[in-house]
Amino acid sequence: MIKIAFFDAKDYDINSFNKNLTDEFEVKFFETHLSIDTVSLAAGFDAVCVFVNDMIDKAVIDELVKLDIKLIALRCAGYNNVDIEYAFKKIHVVRVPAYSPYAVAEHAMALLLTSIRRIHKAYIRTRDFNFSLSGLTGFDLHGKTVGVVGTGKIGRIFIDICKGFGMNVIAYDKFPAKDSGIEYAELDEIWAKSDIISFHCPLTKETEHVVNADSIEKMKKGVVLINTSRGALVDSEALLEGIKARKIGAACLDVYEEESDVFFHDFSGHIVNDDVLARLISMLNVIVTSHQAFLTAEALENIADTTYANIREFFKDGKSINEVCYVCDKIATCPQEHKGKCF
């Protein structure tokens, strides 16, 4: 039996993974994040299953190796929270590359529509029986130019949704999708021409703070920014200044660069110490959701299925189709086509 320790487990994780549990696995759910302070909880297990805010750095990797943990199973697509270079040849890492690209792309569009049509404001008003239309004027999406940064599965689905609204689409990707019919442009052109910019790229050293004071200066006045990818793509303080200067017309954020100690928790009865986040949320042209773009029944089912399949393949079949490793990440394609383990 394969023993798995789940970290940062929420009710929806427990429900979906228990629903898909078979007698080949023994699982235990921990509410706490995986960190150097909690890694000892993994003792006696074969694998750890982690999420976006678990921090698997060098110190944690060393401890996992000492505990004879063979596998880190991410139940998400991104892996910027894992030091994959240090993990190479020490411990294997797998992920869920595509749990539901529709869920994230649809959430991005939901945020955009909510923002530009002032739906969140109208909802609050009508709850108080205030049916005034003052201050609720929005704008048409039809004919507007949207810049999409990242054209993986999620980005391409978001592009299809935008085209359905009659929008003009330009996109940037370090590795453009061949024969996709997508009009690609450099980032400076994305900044200069886009009425709306949506981010669907991974967090890397190259993309960290891709939205910063310099790039914001190059953007159109009144631009709407959407981020459903990773919080650190956006320099939050630069974003705040851009909004205050009326350069950025609106921001739709499902992620935040300092979210790990805030998101997925209830602080409704407490004071949040993050001043930047508090100021962003207080602004009427900013919508923040708590990293929920992935959260659909279909996505949770796919995450559980793929995670269990990844673990099963690794321990029973000696291969790992969804393995992440430093070498593959550097060259963008795997030379062994994932027919076996990466090392």
C-alpha atoms as a PDB file:
ATOM      1  CA  MET A   1       0.000   0.000   0.000  1.00  0.00           C
ATOM      2  CA  ILE A   2       1.296   3.459  -0.959  1.00  0.00           C
ATOM      3  CA  LYS A   3       1.158   5.951   1.914  1.00  0.00           C
ATOM      4  CA  ILE A   4       0.508   9.610   1.011  1.00  0.00           C
ATOM      5  CA  ALA A   5       0.648  12.688   3.251  1.00  0.00           C
ATOM      6  CA  PHE A   6      -1.525  15.538   1.974  1.00  0.00           C
ATOM      7  CA  PHE A   7      -0.505  19.049   3.060  1.00  0.00           C
ATOM      8  CA  ASP A   8      -2.574  22.254   2.958  1.00  0.00           C
ATOM      9  CA  ALA A   9      -5.679  20.073   2.697  1.00  0.00           C
ATOM     10  CA  LYS A  10      -9.060  21.786   2.598  1.00  0.00           C
ATOM     11  CA  ASP A  11     -12.545  20.281   2.816  1.00  0.00           C
ATOM     12  CA  TYR A  12     -12.899  20.164  -0.968  1.00  0.00           C
ATOM     13  CA  ASP A  13      -9.542  18.346  -1.254  1.00  0.00           C
ATOM     14  CA  ILE A  14     -10.535  15.794   1.361  1.00  0.00           C
ATOM     15  CA  ASN A  15     -13.914  15.186  -0.276  1.00  0.00           C
ATOM     16  CA  SER A  16     -12.588  14.788  -3.815  1.00  0.00           C
ATOM     17  CA  PHE A  17      -9.589  12.630  -2.890  1.00  0.00           C
ATOM     18  CA  ASN A  18     -11.614  10.411  -0.561  1.00  0.00           C
ATOM     19  CA  LYS A  19     -14.212   9.970  -3.297  1.00  0.00           C
ATOM     20  CA  ASN A  20     -11.518   8.676  -5.657  1.00  0.00           C
ATOM     21  CA  LEU A  21      -9.591   6.684  -3.045  1.00  0.00           C
ATOM     22  CA  THR A  22      -8.860   3.003  -3.742  1.00  0.00           C
ATOM     23  CA  ASP A  23      -7.439   0.315  -1.477  1.00  0.00           C
ATOM     24  CA  GLU A  24      -3.990   0.719  -3.083  1.00  0.00           C
ATOM     25  CA  PHE A  25      -3.487   4.018  -1.197  1.00  0.00           C
ATOM     26  CA  GLU A  26      -3.410   5.018   2.438  1.00  0.00           C
ATOM     27  CA  VAL A  27      -3.835   8.771   2.928  1.00  0.00           C
ATOM     28  CA  LYS A  28      -3.651  11.287   5.737  1.00  0.00           C
ATOM     29  CA  PHE A  29      -4.676  14.928   5.410  1.00  0.00           C
ATOM     30  CA  PHE A  30      -2.853  17.767   7.164  1.00  0.00           C
ATOM     31  CA  GLU A  31      -4.352  21.249   7.200  1.00  0.00           C
ATOM     32  CA  THR A  32      -0.945  22.883   7.655  1.00  0.00           C
ATOM     33  CA  HIS A  33       1.337  23.949   4.807  1.00  0.00           C
ATOM     34  CA  LEU A  34       4.426  21.893   4.081  1.00  0.00           C
ATOM     35  CA  SER A  35       7.459  23.815   5.310  1.00  0.00           C
ATOM     36  CA  ILE A  36      10.651  23.191   7.229  1.00  0.00           C
ATOM     37  CA  ASP A  37       8.605  23.490  10.437  1.00  0.00           C
ATOM     38  CA  THR A  38       6.061  20.826   9.404  1.00  0.00           C
ATOM     39  CA  VAL A  39       8.068  18.452   7.205  1.00  0.00           C
ATOM     40  CA  SER A  40       8.470  15.995  10.092  1.00  0.00           C
ATOM     41  CA  LEU A  41       4.778  15.126   9.659  1.00  0.00           C
ATOM     42  CA  ALA A  42       5.786  13.294   6.492  1.00  0.00           C
ATOM     43  CA  ALA A  43       7.662  10.614   8.450  1.00  0.00           C
ATOM     44  CA  GLY A  44       6.463   7.124   7.589  1.00  0.00           C
ATOM     45  CA  PHE A  45       4.921   8.072   4.238  1.00  0.00           C
ATOM     46  CA  ASP A  46       6.043   7.226   0.719  1.00  0.00           C
ATOM     47  CA  ALA A  47       4.918  10.450  -0.958  1.00  0.00           C
ATOM     48  CA  VAL A  48       3.746  13.937  -0.106  1.00  0.00           C
ATOM     49  CA  CYS A  49       0.949  15.681  -1.977  1.00  0.00           C
ATOM     50  CA  VAL A  50       1.209  19.483  -1.987  1.00  0.00           C
ATOM     51  CA  PHE A  51      -0.501  22.585  -3.354  1.00  0.00           C
ATOM     52  CA  VAL A  52       0.477  26.070  -4.553  1.00  0.00           C
ATOM     53  CA  ASN A  53       1.354  27.623  -1.192  1.00  0.00           C
ATOM     54  CA  ASP A  54       3.454  24.770   0.178  1.00  0.00           C
ATOM     55  CA  MET A  55       7.109  25.790   0.017  1.00  0.00           C
ATOM     56  CA  ILE A  56       9.433  23.006  -1.066  1.00  0.00           C
ATOM     57  CA  ASP A  57      12.842  24.640  -0.885  1.00  0.00           C
ATOM     58  CA  LYS A  58      16.308  23.130  -0.399  1.00  0.00           C
ATOM     59  CA  ALA A  59      15.877  22.599   3.334  1.00  0.00           C
ATOM     60  CA  VAL A  60      12.524  20.858   2.915  1.00  0.00           C
ATOM     61  CA  ILE A  61      13.846  18.689   0.088  1.00  0.00           C
ATOM     62  CA  ASP A  62      16.799  17.586   2.235  1.00  0.00           C
ATOM     63  CA  GLU A  63      14.444  16.624   5.065  1.00  0.00           C
ATOM     64  CA  LEU A  64      12.106  14.742   2.704  1.00  0.00           C
ATOM     65  CA  VAL A  65      15.077  12.763   1.392  1.00  0.00           C
ATOM     66  CA  LYS A  66      16.152  11.951   4.959  1.00  0.00           C
ATOM     67  CA  LEU A  67      12.619  10.716   5.642  1.00  0.00           C
ATOM     68  CA  ASP A  68      12.891   8.445   2.574  1.00  0.00           C
ATOM     69  CA  ILE A  69      10.073  10.235   0.729  1.00  0.00           C
ATOM     70  CA  LYS A  70      10.314   9.167  -2.890  1.00  0.00           C
ATOM     71  CA  LEU A  71       7.837  11.518  -4.557  1.00  0.00           C
ATOM     72  CA  ILE A  72       6.463  15.054  -4.355  1.00  0.00           C
ATOM     73  CA  ALA A  73       3.038  15.036  -6.023  1.00  0.00           C
ATOM     74  CA  LEU A  74       1.753  18.502  -6.865  1.00  0.00           C
ATOM     75  CA  ARG A  75      -2.017  18.675  -7.192  1.00  0.00           C
ATOM     76  CA  CYS A  76      -1.711  21.743  -9.406  1.00  0.00           C
ATOM     77  CA  ALA A  77      -0.114  22.735 -12.705  1.00  0.00           C
ATOM     78  CA  GLY A  78       2.418  25.318 -11.517  1.00  0.00           C
ATOM     79  CA  TYR A  79       5.603  24.295  -9.733  1.00  0.00           C
ATOM     80  CA  ASN A  80       7.341  27.595  -8.974  1.00  0.00           C
ATOM     81  CA  ASN A  81       7.110  26.755  -5.250  1.00  0.00           C
ATOM     82  CA  VAL A  82       9.409  23.741  -5.738  1.00  0.00           C
ATOM     83  CA  ASP A  83      13.167  24.098  -6.187  1.00  0.00           C
ATOM     84  CA  ILE A  84      13.256  21.661  -9.093  1.00  0.00           C
ATOM     85  CA  GLU A  85      16.928  22.322  -9.818  1.00  0.00           C
ATOM     86  CA  TYR A  86      17.893  21.249  -6.297  1.00  0.00           C
ATOM     87  CA  ALA A  87      15.431  18.354  -6.375  1.00  0.00           C
ATOM     88  CA  PHE A  88      17.015  16.875  -9.511  1.00  0.00           C
ATOM     89  CA  LYS A  89      18.516  13.435  -8.771  1.00  0.00           C
ATOM     90  CA  LYS A  90      17.325  13.683  -5.145  1.00  0.00           C
ATOM     91  CA  ILE A  91      13.545  13.367  -5.258  1.00  0.00           C
ATOM     92  CA  HIS A  92      11.019  13.088  -8.056  1.00  0.00           C
ATOM     93  CA  VAL A  93       8.314  15.690  -8.700  1.00  0.00           C
ATOM     94  CA  VAL A  94       5.052  15.229 -10.598  1.00  0.00           C
ATOM     95  CA  ARG A  95       2.199  17.639 -11.317  1.00  0.00           C
ATOM     96  CA  VAL A  96      -1.304  17.901 -12.752  1.00  0.00           C
ATOM     97  CA  PRO A  97      -0.728  19.782 -16.011  1.00  0.00           C
ATOM     98  CA  ALA A  98      -4.350  20.173 -17.108  1.00  0.00           C
ATOM     99  CA  TYR A  99      -7.092  19.640 -14.553  1.00  0.00           C
ATOM    100  CA  SER A 100      -9.591  21.958 -16.235  1.00  0.00           C
ATOM    101  CA  PRO A 101      -8.301  24.742 -18.439  1.00  0.00           C
ATOM    102  CA  TYR A 102     -11.927  25.728 -19.004  1.00  0.00           C
ATOM    103  CA  ALA A 103     -12.408  26.452 -15.296  1.00  0.00           C
ATOM    104  CA  VAL A 104      -9.552  28.973 -15.163  1.00  0.00           C
ATOM    105  CA  ALA A 105     -10.271  30.596 -18.533  1.00  0.00           C
ATOM    106  CA  GLU A 106     -13.967  30.956 -17.709  1.00  0.00           C
ATOM    107  CA  HIS A 107     -13.145  32.479 -14.322  1.00  0.00           C
ATOM    108  CA  ALA A 108     -10.887  35.026 -16.014  1.00  0.00           C
ATOM    109  CA  MET A 109     -13.751  36.073 -18.275  1.00  0.00           C
ATOM    110  CA  ALA A 110     -16.159  36.117 -15.319  1.00  0.00           C
ATOM    111  CA  LEU A 111     -13.841  38.517 -13.489  1.00  0.00           C
ATOM    112  CA  LEU A 112     -13.557  40.715 -16.566  1.00  0.00           C
ATOM    113  CA  LEU A 113     -17.308  40.911 -17.144  1.00  0.00           C
ATOM    114  CA  THR A 114     -17.976  41.514 -13.459  1.00  0.00           C
ATOM    115  CA  SER A 115     -15.502  44.381 -13.463  1.00  0.00           C
ATOM    116  CA  ILE A 116     -16.379  46.229 -16.657  1.00  0.00           C
ATOM    117  CA  ARG A 117     -20.166  45.840 -16.261  1.00  0.00           C
ATOM    118  CA  ARG A 118     -20.037  46.739 -12.546  1.00  0.00           C
ATOM    119  CA  ILE A 119     -21.954  43.581 -11.647  1.00  0.00           C
ATOM    120  CA  HIS A 120     -20.414  43.389  -8.170  1.00  0.00           C
ATOM    121  CA  LYS A 121     -21.572  46.940  -7.419  1.00  0.00           C
ATOM    122  CA  ALA A 122     -25.057  46.323  -8.800  1.00  0.00           C
ATOM    123  CA  TYR A 123     -25.415  43.161  -6.701  1.00  0.00           C
ATOM    124  CA  ILE A 124     -24.602  45.022  -3.500  1.00  0.00           C
ATOM    125  CA  ARG A 125     -26.971  47.869  -4.402  1.00  0.00           C
ATOM    126  CA  THR A 126     -29.971  45.750  -5.236  1.00  0.00           C
ATOM    127  CA  ARG A 127     -29.535  43.760  -2.039  1.00  0.00           C
ATOM    128  CA  ASP A 128     -30.301  47.094  -0.335  1.00  0.00           C
ATOM    129  CA  PHE A 129     -33.172  47.757  -2.802  1.00  0.00           C
ATOM    130  CA  ASN A 130     -31.144  50.514  -4.447  1.00  0.00           C
ATOM    131  CA  PHE A 131     -31.957  50.305  -8.159  1.00  0.00           C
ATOM    132  CA  SER A 132     -30.118  53.421  -9.293  1.00  0.00           C
ATOM    133  CA  LEU A 133     -27.910  53.034 -12.379  1.00  0.00           C
ATOM    134  CA  SER A 134     -25.643  55.918 -11.443  1.00  0.00           C
ATOM    135  CA  GLY A 135     -21.966  54.948 -11.715  1.00  0.00           C
ATOM    136  CA  LEU A 136     -22.672  51.573 -13.358  1.00  0.00           C
ATOM    137  CA  THR A 137     -21.786  52.490 -16.944  1.00  0.00           C
ATOM    138  CA  GLY A 138     -19.483  49.884 -18.479  1.00  0.00           C
ATOM    139  CA  PHE A 139     -18.106  49.291 -21.969  1.00  0.00           C
ATOM    140  CA  ASP A 140     -18.520  46.755 -24.766  1.00  0.00           C
ATOM    141  CA  LEU A 141     -15.961  43.994 -25.174  1.00  0.00           C
ATOM    142  CA  HIS A 142     -16.791  43.731 -28.891  1.00  0.00           C
ATOM    143  CA  GLY A 143     -14.051  45.338 -30.931  1.00  0.00           C
ATOM    144  CA  LYS A 144     -11.655  45.775 -28.031  1.00  0.00           C
ATOM    145  CA  THR A 145      -8.100  44.423 -28.184  1.00  0.00           C
ATOM    146  CA  VAL A 146      -7.107  41.844 -25.613  1.00  0.00           C
ATOM    147  CA  GLY A 147      -3.483  40.884 -25.041  1.00  0.00           C
ATOM    148  CA  VAL A 148      -3.000  37.324 -23.810  1.00  0.00           C
ATOM    149  CA  VAL A 149       0.338  36.528 -22.171  1.00  0.00           C
ATOM    150  CA  GLY A 150       0.802  32.767 -22.297  1.00  0.00           C
ATOM    151  CA  THR A 151      -0.847  30.538 -24.894  1.00  0.00           C
ATOM    152  CA  GLY A 152      -0.890  27.143 -23.248  1.00  0.00           C
ATOM    153  CA  LYS A 153      -4.187  25.305 -22.901  1.00  0.00           C
ATOM    154  CA  ILE A 154      -5.734  27.897 -20.592  1.00  0.00           C
ATOM    155  CA  GLY A 155      -4.538  30.837 -22.658  1.00  0.00           C
ATOM    156  CA  ARG A 156      -5.867  29.344 -25.902  1.00  0.00           C
ATOM    157  CA  ILE A 157      -9.270  28.633 -24.374  1.00  0.00           C
ATOM    158  CA  PHE A 158      -9.401  32.196 -23.058  1.00  0.00           C
ATOM    159  CA  ILE A 159      -8.563  33.393 -26.587  1.00  0.00           C
ATOM    160  CA  ASP A 160     -11.467  31.357 -27.996  1.00  0.00           C
ATOM    161  CA  ILE A 161     -13.818  32.902 -25.406  1.00  0.00           C
ATOM    162  CA  CYS A 162     -12.612  36.395 -26.316  1.00  0.00           C
ATOM    163  CA  LYS A 163     -13.104  35.740 -30.019  1.00  0.00           C
ATOM    164  CA  GLY A 164     -16.661  34.686 -29.202  1.00  0.00           C
ATOM    165  CA  PHE A 165     -17.193  38.212 -27.872  1.00  0.00           C
ATOM    166  CA  GLY A 166     -15.857  39.690 -31.106  1.00  0.00           C
ATOM    167  CA  MET A 167     -12.602  40.896 -29.574  1.00  0.00           C
ATOM    168  CA  ASN A 168      -9.306  41.395 -31.383  1.00  0.00           C
ATOM    169  CA  VAL A 169      -6.632  39.117 -29.911  1.00  0.00           C
ATOM    170  CA  ILE A 170      -2.869  39.496 -29.823  1.00  0.00           C
ATOM    171  CA  ALA A 171      -0.680  37.208 -27.754  1.00  0.00           C
ATOM    172  CA  TYR A 172       2.810  36.646 -26.420  1.00  0.00           C
ATOM    173  CA  ASP A 173       4.481  33.345 -25.587  1.00  0.00           C
ATOM    174  CA  LYS A 174       8.131  32.399 -25.349  1.00  0.00           C
ATOM    175  CA  PHE A 175       7.201  29.253 -27.257  1.00  0.00           C
ATOM    176  CA  PRO A 176       4.456  30.214 -29.757  1.00  0.00           C
ATOM    177  CA  ALA A 177       1.902  27.526 -30.609  1.00  0.00           C
ATOM    178  CA  LYS A 178       2.567  26.392 -34.176  1.00  0.00           C
ATOM    179  CA  ASP A 179      -0.244  26.506 -36.731  1.00  0.00           C
ATOM    180  CA  SER A 180      -2.591  27.952 -34.115  1.00  0.00           C
ATOM    181  CA  GLY A 181      -3.746  30.957 -36.091  1.00  0.00           C
ATOM    182  CA  ILE A 182      -2.871  33.148 -33.098  1.00  0.00           C
ATOM    183  CA  GLU A 183      -1.446  36.586 -33.863  1.00  0.00           C
ATOM    184  CA  TYR A 184       1.730  36.818 -31.807  1.00  0.00           C
ATOM    185  CA  ALA A 185       3.455  40.026 -30.761  1.00  0.00           C
ATOM    186  CA  GLU A 186       6.295  41.118 -28.506  1.00  0.00           C
ATOM    187  CA  LEU A 187       5.472  42.226 -24.972  1.00  0.00           C
ATOM    188  CA  ASP A 188       6.000  45.924 -25.726  1.00  0.00           C
ATOM    189  CA  GLU A 189       3.351  45.671 -28.438  1.00  0.00           C
ATOM    190  CA  ILE A 190       1.021  43.863 -26.019  1.00  0.00           C
ATOM    191  CA  TRP A 191       1.455  46.691 -23.523  1.00  0.00           C
ATOM    192  CA  ALA A 192       0.957  49.438 -26.114  1.00  0.00           C
ATOM    193  CA  LYS A 193      -2.051  48.074 -28.022  1.00  0.00           C
ATOM    194  CA  SER A 194      -4.168  46.160 -25.502  1.00  0.00           C
ATOM    195  CA  ASP A 195      -7.309  47.478 -23.851  1.00  0.00           C
ATOM    196  CA  ILE A 196      -7.316  44.353 -21.673  1.00  0.00           C
ATOM    197  CA  ILE A 197      -4.356  42.122 -20.738  1.00  0.00           C
ATOM    198  CA  SER A 198      -4.807  38.637 -19.291  1.00  0.00           C
ATOM    199  CA  PHE A 199      -1.991  36.505 -17.885  1.00  0.00           C
ATOM    200  CA  HIS A 200      -1.895  32.734 -18.398  1.00  0.00           C
ATOM    201  CA  CYS A 201       1.831  31.994 -18.166  1.00  0.00           C
ATOM    202  CA  PRO A 202       3.894  30.156 -15.540  1.00  0.00           C
ATOM    203  CA  LEU A 203       5.967  31.985 -12.957  1.00  0.00           C
ATOM    204  CA  THR A 204       9.654  31.819 -13.867  1.00  0.00           C
ATOM    205  CA  LYS A 205      12.661  34.062 -13.342  1.00  0.00           C
ATOM    206  CA  GLU A 206      11.814  35.676 -16.687  1.00  0.00           C
ATOM    207  CA  THR A 207       8.149  36.313 -15.894  1.00  0.00           C
ATOM    208  CA  GLU A 208       8.445  37.379 -12.264  1.00  0.00           C
ATOM    209  CA  HIS A 209       7.134  40.962 -12.000  1.00  0.00           C
ATOM    210  CA  VAL A 210       6.543  41.124 -15.753  1.00  0.00           C
ATOM    211  CA  VAL A 211       4.002  43.754 -14.722  1.00  0.00           C
ATOM    212  CA  ASN A 212       6.128  46.440 -13.115  1.00  0.00           C
ATOM    213  CA  ALA A 213       6.461  50.213 -13.103  1.00  0.00           C
ATOM    214  CA  ASP A 214       8.204  50.230 -16.501  1.00  0.00           C
ATOM    215  CA  SER A 215       5.713  47.943 -18.258  1.00  0.00           C
ATOM    216  CA  ILE A 216       2.741  49.774 -16.729  1.00  0.00           C
ATOM    217  CA  GLU A 217       4.118  53.045 -18.103  1.00  0.00           C
ATOM    218  CA  LYS A 218       4.000  51.500 -21.608  1.00  0.00           C
ATOM    219  CA  MET A 219       0.359  50.428 -21.293  1.00  0.00           C
ATOM    220  CA  LYS A 220      -2.709  52.257 -22.570  1.00  0.00           C
ATOM    221  CA  LYS A 221      -4.426  54.570 -20.125  1.00  0.00           C
ATOM    222  CA  GLY A 222      -7.377  52.730 -18.586  1.00  0.00           C
ATOM    223  CA  VAL A 223      -6.078  49.222 -19.327  1.00  0.00           C
ATOM    224  CA  VAL A 224      -7.764  46.322 -17.504  1.00  0.00           C
ATOM    225  CA  LEU A 225      -5.414  43.677 -16.079  1.00  0.00           C
ATOM    226  CA  ILE A 226      -6.486  40.097 -15.327  1.00  0.00           C
ATOM    227  CA  ASN A 227      -4.276  37.651 -13.447  1.00  0.00           C
ATOM    228  CA  THR A 228      -5.479  34.101 -12.817  1.00  0.00           C
ATOM    229  CA  SER A 229      -2.017  32.540 -13.099  1.00  0.00           C
ATOM    230  CA  ARG A 230       0.555  33.328 -10.389  1.00  0.00           C
ATOM    231  CA  GLY A 231       0.585  36.337  -8.104  1.00  0.00           C
ATOM    232  CA  ALA A 232       4.255  37.248  -8.525  1.00  0.00           C
ATOM    233  CA  LEU A 233       3.754  37.964 -12.229  1.00  0.00           C
ATOM    234  CA  VAL A 234       2.546  41.336 -10.956  1.00  0.00           C
ATOM    235  CA  ASP A 235       4.523  43.733  -8.788  1.00  0.00           C
ATOM    236  CA  SER A 236       1.712  44.561  -6.373  1.00  0.00           C
ATOM    237  CA  GLU A 237       3.126  47.893  -5.252  1.00  0.00           C
ATOM    238  CA  ALA A 238       3.625  48.989  -8.878  1.00  0.00           C
ATOM    239  CA  LEU A 239       0.054  47.882  -9.607  1.00  0.00           C
ATOM    240  CA  LEU A 240      -1.191  49.952  -6.697  1.00  0.00           C
ATOM    241  CA  GLU A 241       0.669  53.027  -7.924  1.00  0.00           C
ATOM    242  CA  GLY A 242      -0.629  52.454 -11.467  1.00  0.00           C
ATOM    243  CA  ILE A 243      -4.207  52.390 -10.205  1.00  0.00           C
ATOM    244  CA  LYS A 244      -3.698  55.503  -8.066  1.00  0.00           C
ATOM    245  CA  ALA A 245      -2.234  57.322 -11.089  1.00  0.00           C
ATOM    246  CA  ARG A 246      -5.357  56.367 -13.117  1.00  0.00           C
ATOM    247  CA  LYS A 247      -3.113  54.535 -15.604  1.00  0.00           C
ATOM    248  CA  ILE A 248      -4.704  51.167 -14.833  1.00  0.00           C
ATOM    249  CA  GLY A 249      -8.465  51.307 -15.199  1.00  0.00           C
ATOM    250  CA  ALA A 250      -9.218  48.074 -13.365  1.00  0.00           C
ATOM    251  CA  ALA A 251      -7.532  44.967 -11.973  1.00  0.00           C
ATOM    252  CA  CYS A 252      -9.054  41.488 -11.711  1.00  0.00           C
ATOM    253  CA  LEU A 253      -6.928  39.288  -9.470  1.00  0.00           C
ATOM    254  CA  ASP A 254      -7.434  35.666  -8.514  1.00  0.00           C
ATOM    255  CA  VAL A 255      -3.848  35.457  -7.258  1.00  0.00           C
ATOM    256  CA  TYR A 256      -1.562  37.694  -5.223  1.00  0.00           C
ATOM    257  CA  GLU A 257       2.198  37.505  -4.742  1.00  0.00           C
ATOM    258  CA  GLU A 258       2.005  37.394  -0.932  1.00  0.00           C
ATOM    259  CA  GLU A 259      -1.085  35.195  -0.795  1.00  0.00           C
ATOM    260  CA  SER A 260       0.354  32.208   1.044  1.00  0.00           C
ATOM    261  CA  ASP A 261      -0.459  33.505   4.530  1.00  0.00           C
ATOM    262  CA  VAL A 262      -3.829  34.970   3.564  1.00  0.00           C
ATOM    263  CA  PHE A 263      -5.658  33.055   0.846  1.00  0.00           C
ATOM    264  CA  PHE A 264      -7.688  29.948   1.762  1.00  0.00           C
ATOM    265  CA  HIS A 265      -8.221  31.310   5.301  1.00  0.00           C
ATOM    266  CA  ASP A 266     -11.062  33.224   6.946  1.00  0.00           C
ATOM    267  CA  PHE A 267      -9.872  36.596   8.252  1.00  0.00           C
ATOM    268  CA  SER A 268     -13.313  38.185   8.360  1.00  0.00           C
ATOM    269  CA  GLY A 269     -13.009  38.692  12.116  1.00  0.00           C
ATOM    270  CA  HIS A 270      -9.400  39.833  12.063  1.00  0.00           C
ATOM    271  CA  ILE A 271      -7.181  42.621  10.799  1.00  0.00           C
ATOM    272  CA  VAL A 272      -5.089  41.621   7.784  1.00  0.00           C
ATOM    273  CA  ASN A 273      -1.521  42.841   8.204  1.00  0.00           C
ATOM    274  CA  ASP A 274      -0.791  43.062   4.474  1.00  0.00           C
ATOM    275  CA  ASP A 275      -1.241  46.782   3.783  1.00  0.00           C
ATOM    276  CA  VAL A 276      -0.851  46.464   0.000  1.00  0.00           C
ATOM    277  CA  LEU A 277      -3.537  43.796  -0.258  1.00  0.00           C
ATOM    278  CA  ALA A 278      -5.834  45.768   2.042  1.00  0.00           C
ATOM    279  CA  ARG A 279      -5.455  48.879  -0.110  1.00  0.00           C
ATOM    280  CA  LEU A 280      -6.049  46.940  -3.330  1.00  0.00           C
ATOM    281  CA  ILE A 281      -9.233  45.351  -1.974  1.00  0.00           C
ATOM    282  CA  SER A 282     -10.477  48.757  -0.804  1.00  0.00           C
ATOM    283  CA  MET A 283     -10.355  50.149  -4.357  1.00  0.00           C
ATOM    284  CA  LEU A 284     -13.642  50.069  -6.254  1.00  0.00           C
ATOM    285  CA  ASN A 285     -11.980  49.124  -9.545  1.00  0.00           C
ATOM    286  CA  VAL A 286     -10.192  46.086  -8.107  1.00  0.00           C
ATOM    287  CA  ILE A 287     -11.764  42.633  -7.801  1.00  0.00           C
ATOM    288  CA  VAL A 288      -9.929  40.000  -5.780  1.00  0.00           C
ATOM    289  CA  THR A 289     -10.938  36.345  -5.550  1.00  0.00           C
ATOM    290  CA  SER A 290      -8.981  33.948  -3.376  1.00  0.00           C
ATOM    291  CA  HIS A 291      -7.246  31.677  -5.914  1.00  0.00           C
ATOM    292  CA  GLN A 292     -10.533  30.001  -6.797  1.00  0.00           C
ATOM    293  CA  ALA A 293     -10.300  29.960 -10.602  1.00  0.00           C
ATOM    294  CA  PHE A 294      -9.588  26.211 -10.541  1.00  0.00           C
ATOM    295  CA  LEU A 295     -12.440  25.431  -8.160  1.00  0.00           C
ATOM    296  CA  THR A 296     -15.074  23.531 -10.128  1.00  0.00           C
ATOM    297  CA  ALA A 297     -16.456  20.056  -9.538  1.00  0.00           C
ATOM    298  CA  GLU A 298     -14.948  18.893 -12.821  1.00  0.00           C
ATOM    299  CA  ALA A 299     -11.512  20.286 -11.980  1.00  0.00           C
ATOM    300  CA  LEU A 300     -11.450  18.712  -8.510  1.00  0.00           C
ATOM    301  CA  GLU A 301     -12.391  15.344 -10.010  1.00  0.00           C
ATOM    302  CA  ASN A 302      -9.615  15.635 -12.597  1.00  0.00           C
ATOM    303  CA  ILE A 303      -7.053  16.737 -10.004  1.00  0.00           C
ATOM    304  CA  ALA A 304      -7.779  13.720  -7.799  1.00  0.00           C
ATOM    305  CA  ASP A 305      -7.799  11.290 -10.738  1.00  0.00           C
ATOM    306  CA  THR A 306      -4.544  12.600 -12.222  1.00  0.00           C
ATOM    307  CA  THR A 307      -2.739  12.841  -8.873  1.00  0.00           C
ATOM    308  CA  TYR A 308      -3.563   9.250  -7.970  1.00  0.00           C
ATOM    309  CA  ALA A 309      -2.610   8.145 -11.497  1.00  0.00           C
ATOM    310  CA  ASN A 310       0.732   9.980 -11.214  1.00  0.00           C
ATOM    311  CA  ILE A 311       1.522   8.273  -7.915  1.00  0.00           C
ATOM    312  CA  ARG A 312       0.397   4.871  -9.185  1.00  0.00           C
ATOM    313  CA  GLU A 313       2.541   5.171 -12.325  1.00  0.00           C
ATOM    314  CA  PHE A 314       5.587   6.187 -10.335  1.00  0.00           C
ATOM    315  CA  PHE A 315       5.486   3.431  -7.732  1.00  0.00           C
ATOM    316  CA  LYS A 316       3.960   0.568  -9.728  1.00  0.00           C
ATOM    317  CA  ASP A 317       4.858   1.182 -13.386  1.00  0.00           C
ATOM    318  CA  GLY A 318       8.260   2.819 -12.990  1.00  0.00           C
ATOM    319  CA  LYS A 319       7.359   5.767 -15.194  1.00  0.00           C
ATOM    320  CA  SER A 320       5.984   9.240 -14.737  1.00  0.00           C
ATOM    321  CA  ILE A 321       4.256  10.923 -17.664  1.00  0.00           C
ATOM    322  CA  ASN A 322       3.739  14.135 -15.689  1.00  0.00           C
ATOM    323  CA  GLU A 323       7.163  14.370 -14.070  1.00  0.00           C
ATOM    324  CA  VAL A 324       8.791  17.777 -13.730  1.00  0.00           C
ATOM    325  CA  CYS A 325      12.565  17.958 -13.717  1.00  0.00           C
ATOM    326  CA  TYR A 326      15.277  20.553 -14.025  1.00  0.00           C
ATOM    327  CA  VAL A 327      16.696  19.237 -17.300  1.00  0.00           C
ATOM    328  CA  CYS A 328      13.322  19.072 -19.052  1.00  0.00           C
ATOM    329  CA  ASP A 329      12.437  22.527 -17.753  1.00  0.00           C
ATOM    330  CA  LYS A 330      15.623  24.033 -19.161  1.00  0.00           C
ATOM    331  CA  ILE A 331      15.225  22.672 -22.673  1.00  0.00           C
ATOM    332  CA  ALA A 332      11.394  22.828 -22.817  1.00  0.00           C
ATOM    333  CA  THR A 333      11.085  19.295 -24.226  1.00  0.00           C
ATOM    334  CA  CYS A 334      11.891  15.984 -22.586  1.00  0.00           C
ATOM    335  CA  PRO A 335      14.512  13.966 -24.529  1.00  0.00           C
ATOM    336  CA  GLN A 336      13.150  10.681 -23.204  1.00  0.00           C
ATOM    337  CA  GLU A 337       9.480  11.614 -23.840  1.00  0.00           C
ATOM    338  CA  HIS A 338       8.611  10.581 -20.272  1.00  0.00           C
ATOM    339  CA  LYS A 339       8.796   6.871 -21.084  1.00  0.00           C
ATOM    340  CA  GLY A 340      10.587   6.382 -17.790  1.00  0.00           C
ATOM    341  CA  LYS A 341      11.538   8.357 -14.701  1.00  0.00           C
ATOM    342  CA  CYS A 342      13.699  11.415 -15.344  1.00  0.00           C
ATOM    343  CA  PHE A 343      16.585   9.974 -13.299  1.00  0.00           C
END
